[in-house]
Amino acid sequence: MIRLVLTLGLSLLAASAASAEEACHYGSDADALTEALSKAGSCRAAYALLSKCAWGSSADNQFSDIVVKACAGAFLNTLSPAGKGNYAAESELCDYEHQRQEGTMYLSQAALCRAEVALRFAGDPRLADRPLPAASFDCAKARTPLEKTICADPKLGRADVMLSRVYRQAMQSLTPDEQRALNADERKWMAKVAADCRLTDAAASAHARDCAREAFERRFTAIDGCEGDGDVAKCANAPD
């Protein structure tokens, strides 16, 4: 499963923190793990423990909540209302990424993602000064009907941001040939969305916007589920 994308630096930081701890020895003892997370002593230590001891199931929601509380306690009360909103929006993307996927492991991935976001903001609370972008590109340079529609609809813009993050994460694990294939497929897919949803230079209807958002959500869900498959383009286009 392709993780929400935070940054490579964050992943390395978390891995480094985790490696400094002993191997997880709590097994299936939820009470013991809960107590250990609560007594970890710091945001980073709690996150490192969660990274090693996550169950890969919906139980990780309760474990993640402990980590989020430990991390958010270091910055949340210092944020402005707008900053708190920006943090919440970033955290909500974790659930948005996985909302169409079935299976408890995806609930786990969303939970771990929320813990990662809290860790990242605790490390640099200034991140809360940066609202989510309206789109994955500069809306001042929007030219095509699809680009203009994305920038005019906040929900579609959020779907575009999510697709861009999942897409970039997928590209990191591909060979140059596989990257070129996925790039080509992405261009074809975008053209198809514009045609299927009947996006023109005129203002898009609510139906057209909903059509495009549905397509974007299906697309990032499909790519997100293709981790480990070199031919991501073919995997993402496979029938459900």
Protein backbone atom coordinates (compact mmCIF):
# COMPACT_ATOMS: atom_id res chain seq x y z
CA MET A 1 0.00 0.00 0.00
CA ILE A 2 1.42 3.32 -0.95
CA ARG A 3 1.60 5.56 2.05
CA LEU A 4 0.30 9.14 2.09
CA VAL A 5 2.80 10.96 1.22
CA LEU A 6 4.52 13.13 3.50
CA THR A 7 8.22 13.61 2.74
CA LEU A 8 11.20 11.37 2.29
CA GLY A 9 12.86 13.25 5.11
CA LEU A 10 10.03 12.39 7.49
CA SER A 11 10.19 8.73 6.52
CA LEU A 12 13.91 8.65 7.21
CA LEU A 13 13.39 10.44 10.51
CA ALA A 14 10.77 7.95 11.61
CA ALA A 15 12.89 5.01 10.51
CA SER A 16 15.86 6.38 12.41
CA ALA A 17 13.77 6.87 15.55
CA ALA A 18 12.34 3.38 15.27
CA SER A 19 15.73 1.74 14.81
CA ALA A 20 16.93 3.26 18.06
CA GLU A 21 14.37 1.26 20.03
CA GLU A 22 14.33 -2.43 20.87
CA ALA A 23 12.19 -4.72 18.74
CA CYS A 24 8.51 -4.73 19.61
CA HIS A 25 7.70 -7.34 22.22
CA TYR A 26 4.08 -6.54 23.06
CA GLY A 27 2.60 -9.01 20.60
CA SER A 28 -1.19 -9.04 20.80
CA ASP A 29 -1.34 -7.44 24.25
CA ALA A 30 -3.29 -4.27 23.49
CA ASP A 31 -3.31 -3.07 27.09
CA ALA A 32 0.47 -3.38 27.39
CA LEU A 33 1.05 -1.55 24.11
CA THR A 34 -1.42 1.16 25.08
CA GLU A 35 0.39 1.68 28.36
CA ALA A 36 3.79 1.72 26.68
CA LEU A 37 2.66 4.29 24.12
CA SER A 38 1.20 6.46 26.86
CA LYS A 39 4.46 6.34 28.80
CA ALA A 40 6.80 6.70 25.81
CA GLY A 41 7.95 10.07 27.06
CA SER A 42 7.97 12.00 23.80
CA CYS A 43 6.16 12.37 20.51
CA ARG A 44 9.04 10.85 18.54
CA ALA A 45 9.44 7.91 20.92
CA ALA A 46 5.72 7.17 20.82
CA TYR A 47 5.70 7.30 17.03
CA ALA A 48 8.75 5.03 16.80
CA LEU A 49 7.03 2.49 19.05
CA LEU A 50 3.84 2.63 17.00
CA SER A 51 5.80 2.16 13.78
CA LYS A 52 7.21 -1.12 15.08
CA CYS A 53 4.21 -2.42 16.97
CA ALA A 54 1.29 -1.50 14.71
CA TRP A 55 -1.13 -4.38 14.27
CA GLY A 56 -2.08 -3.61 10.68
CA SER A 57 -5.75 -3.54 11.63
CA SER A 58 -8.42 -1.17 12.89
CA ALA A 59 -6.91 -1.48 16.38
CA ASP A 60 -4.20 0.90 15.21
CA ASN A 61 -6.76 3.71 15.42
CA GLN A 62 -6.66 3.63 19.20
CA PHE A 63 -2.88 3.31 19.25
CA SER A 64 -2.48 6.17 16.78
CA ASP A 65 -4.75 8.40 18.85
CA ILE A 66 -2.29 8.12 21.73
CA VAL A 67 0.59 9.17 19.49
CA VAL A 68 -1.38 12.02 17.96
CA LYS A 69 -2.27 13.29 21.44
CA ALA A 70 1.38 13.13 22.54
CA CYS A 71 2.55 15.00 19.44
CA ALA A 72 -0.27 17.53 19.16
CA GLY A 73 0.17 18.49 22.79
CA ALA A 74 3.47 20.11 21.81
CA PHE A 75 1.96 22.52 19.28
CA LEU A 76 -1.81 22.47 18.91
CA ASN A 77 -2.62 25.04 21.59
CA THR A 78 -0.07 27.45 20.12
CA LEU A 79 -1.75 27.55 16.73
CA SER A 80 -4.14 30.18 15.45
CA PRO A 81 -7.63 29.05 14.40
CA ALA A 82 -6.42 29.06 10.80
CA GLY A 83 -3.38 27.00 11.79
CA LYS A 84 -5.53 24.46 13.57
CA GLY A 85 -7.68 24.25 10.46
CA ASN A 86 -4.63 23.68 8.27
CA TYR A 87 -3.39 20.91 10.54
CA ALA A 88 -6.82 19.28 10.57
CA ALA A 89 -7.05 19.47 6.78
CA GLU A 90 -3.68 17.76 6.38
CA SER A 91 -4.64 15.05 8.84
CA GLU A 92 -7.99 14.49 7.14
CA LEU A 93 -6.21 13.69 3.89
CA CYS A 94 -5.04 10.45 5.53
CA ASP A 95 -8.61 9.18 5.72
CA TYR A 96 -9.47 10.64 2.34
CA GLU A 97 -6.67 8.70 0.67
CA HIS A 98 -8.03 5.38 1.89
CA GLN A 99 -11.77 6.02 2.03
CA ARG A 100 -12.58 3.80 -0.99
CA GLN A 101 -10.33 0.90 -0.03
CA GLU A 102 -11.63 -2.16 1.73
CA GLY A 103 -9.92 -4.08 4.49
CA THR A 104 -8.71 -3.28 7.98
CA MET A 105 -5.13 -2.80 6.80
CA TYR A 106 -6.23 0.42 5.10
CA LEU A 107 -7.74 1.64 8.35
CA SER A 108 -4.33 0.97 9.85
CA GLN A 109 -2.59 2.90 7.09
CA ALA A 110 -4.84 5.90 7.65
CA ALA A 111 -4.20 5.76 11.39
CA LEU A 112 -0.43 5.59 10.93
CA CYS A 113 -0.63 8.46 8.45
CA ARG A 114 -2.39 10.65 11.02
CA ALA A 115 0.37 9.88 13.49
CA GLU A 116 2.95 10.84 10.87
CA VAL A 117 1.24 14.16 10.27
CA ALA A 118 1.23 14.90 14.00
CA LEU A 119 4.91 13.99 14.21
CA ARG A 120 5.76 16.24 11.31
CA PHE A 121 3.85 19.24 12.69
CA ALA A 122 5.35 18.72 16.14
CA GLY A 123 8.78 18.87 14.54
CA ASP A 124 7.95 22.09 12.69
CA PRO A 125 4.77 23.88 13.86
CA ARG A 126 5.34 26.48 11.13
CA LEU A 127 3.83 23.94 8.74
CA ALA A 128 0.46 25.03 10.13
CA ASP A 129 0.97 28.39 8.40
CA ARG A 130 0.67 26.63 5.04
CA PRO A 131 -2.89 25.86 3.97
CA LEU A 132 -3.51 23.00 1.60
CA PRO A 133 -3.02 24.23 -1.96
CA ALA A 134 -6.08 24.71 -4.13
CA ALA A 135 -4.62 22.26 -6.64
CA SER A 136 -1.43 20.39 -7.42
CA PHE A 137 -0.40 23.17 -9.80
CA ASP A 138 -0.43 26.97 -9.91
CA CYS A 139 -4.04 27.95 -10.54
CA ALA A 140 -2.86 31.29 -11.94
CA LYS A 141 -1.52 29.27 -14.86
CA ALA A 142 -4.63 27.11 -15.40
CA ARG A 143 -5.32 26.88 -19.12
CA THR A 144 -7.29 23.75 -19.96
CA PRO A 145 -10.97 23.24 -19.09
CA LEU A 146 -9.97 20.49 -16.66
CA GLU A 147 -7.40 22.70 -14.92
CA LYS A 148 -9.89 25.57 -14.64
CA THR A 149 -12.54 23.24 -13.23
CA ILE A 150 -10.10 21.87 -10.66
CA CYS A 151 -9.23 25.36 -9.48
CA ALA A 152 -12.88 26.42 -9.32
CA ASP A 153 -14.04 23.51 -7.17
CA PRO A 154 -12.43 23.01 -3.72
CA LYS A 155 -13.47 19.35 -3.47
CA LEU A 156 -12.07 18.55 -6.90
CA GLY A 157 -8.95 20.53 -6.01
CA ARG A 158 -8.44 18.38 -2.93
CA ALA A 159 -8.84 15.24 -5.04
CA ASP A 160 -6.24 16.62 -7.45
CA VAL A 161 -3.80 17.27 -4.59
CA MET A 162 -4.33 13.73 -3.30
CA LEU A 163 -3.83 12.21 -6.74
CA SER A 164 -0.65 14.20 -7.22
CA ARG A 165 0.80 12.98 -3.93
CA VAL A 166 -0.06 9.34 -4.58
CA TYR A 167 1.25 9.64 -8.13
CA ARG A 168 4.59 11.09 -7.02
CA GLN A 169 4.97 8.38 -4.40
CA ALA A 170 4.30 5.70 -6.99
CA MET A 171 6.87 7.19 -9.36
CA GLN A 172 9.63 6.86 -6.75
CA SER A 173 9.60 3.07 -6.94
CA LEU A 174 9.54 2.78 -10.75
CA THR A 175 12.29 2.41 -13.32
CA PRO A 176 12.70 5.19 -15.93
CA ASP A 177 10.79 3.12 -18.50
CA GLU A 178 7.99 2.46 -16.03
CA GLN A 179 7.87 6.15 -15.16
CA ARG A 180 7.52 7.10 -18.82
CA ALA A 181 4.73 4.57 -19.23
CA LEU A 182 2.85 5.95 -16.23
CA ASN A 183 3.35 9.55 -17.41
CA ALA A 184 1.93 8.67 -20.82
CA ASP A 185 -1.00 6.87 -19.25
CA GLU A 186 -1.68 9.83 -16.96
CA ARG A 187 -1.93 12.18 -19.94
CA LYS A 188 -4.36 9.82 -21.68
CA TRP A 189 -6.39 9.47 -18.50
CA MET A 190 -6.70 13.24 -18.04
CA ALA A 191 -7.87 13.68 -21.62
CA LYS A 192 -10.44 10.94 -21.07
CA VAL A 193 -11.73 12.59 -17.89
CA ALA A 194 -12.19 15.89 -19.73
CA ALA A 195 -14.07 14.14 -22.53
CA ASP A 196 -16.16 11.79 -20.39
CA CYS A 197 -17.20 14.56 -18.00
CA ARG A 198 -17.84 16.96 -20.88
CA LEU A 199 -15.61 19.70 -19.58
CA THR A 200 -15.49 22.65 -21.95
CA ASP A 201 -14.21 26.20 -21.77
CA ALA A 202 -17.58 27.19 -20.37
CA ALA A 203 -18.13 26.99 -16.62
CA ALA A 204 -18.48 23.35 -15.67
CA SER A 205 -21.82 22.19 -14.33
CA ALA A 206 -22.16 20.63 -10.89
CA HIS A 207 -22.64 17.26 -12.60
CA ALA A 208 -19.42 17.71 -14.59
CA ARG A 209 -17.48 18.65 -11.46
CA ASP A 210 -18.83 15.66 -9.56
CA CYS A 211 -17.97 13.43 -12.51
CA ALA A 212 -14.39 14.68 -12.51
CA ARG A 213 -14.02 14.31 -8.74
CA GLU A 214 -15.31 10.76 -8.88
CA ALA A 215 -12.77 9.97 -11.60
CA PHE A 216 -9.92 11.49 -9.60
CA GLU A 217 -10.88 9.56 -6.46
CA ARG A 218 -11.05 6.29 -8.40
CA ARG A 219 -7.68 7.07 -9.97
CA PHE A 220 -5.74 7.79 -6.78
CA THR A 221 -7.33 4.79 -5.10
CA ALA A 222 -6.29 2.56 -8.00
CA ILE A 223 -2.71 3.84 -8.13
CA ASP A 224 -2.49 3.66 -4.35
CA GLY A 225 -3.36 -0.03 -4.49
CA CYS A 226 -0.68 -0.85 -7.08
CA GLU A 227 2.36 -0.74 -4.79
CA GLY A 228 4.96 -3.28 -5.82
CA ASP A 229 3.55 -3.62 -9.33
CA GLY A 230 6.09 -2.30 -11.82
CA ASP A 231 3.44 -1.80 -14.47
CA VAL A 232 1.42 0.69 -12.47
CA ALA A 233 -0.30 2.02 -15.58
CA LYS A 234 -1.72 -1.40 -16.39
CA CYS A 235 -2.54 -2.11 -12.75
CA ALA A 236 -4.35 1.20 -12.29
CA ASN A 237 -6.49 0.55 -15.37
CA ALA A 238 -7.42 -3.00 -14.46
CA PRO A 239 -11.16 -3.62 -14.00
CA ASP A 240 -12.38 -3.50 -10.40
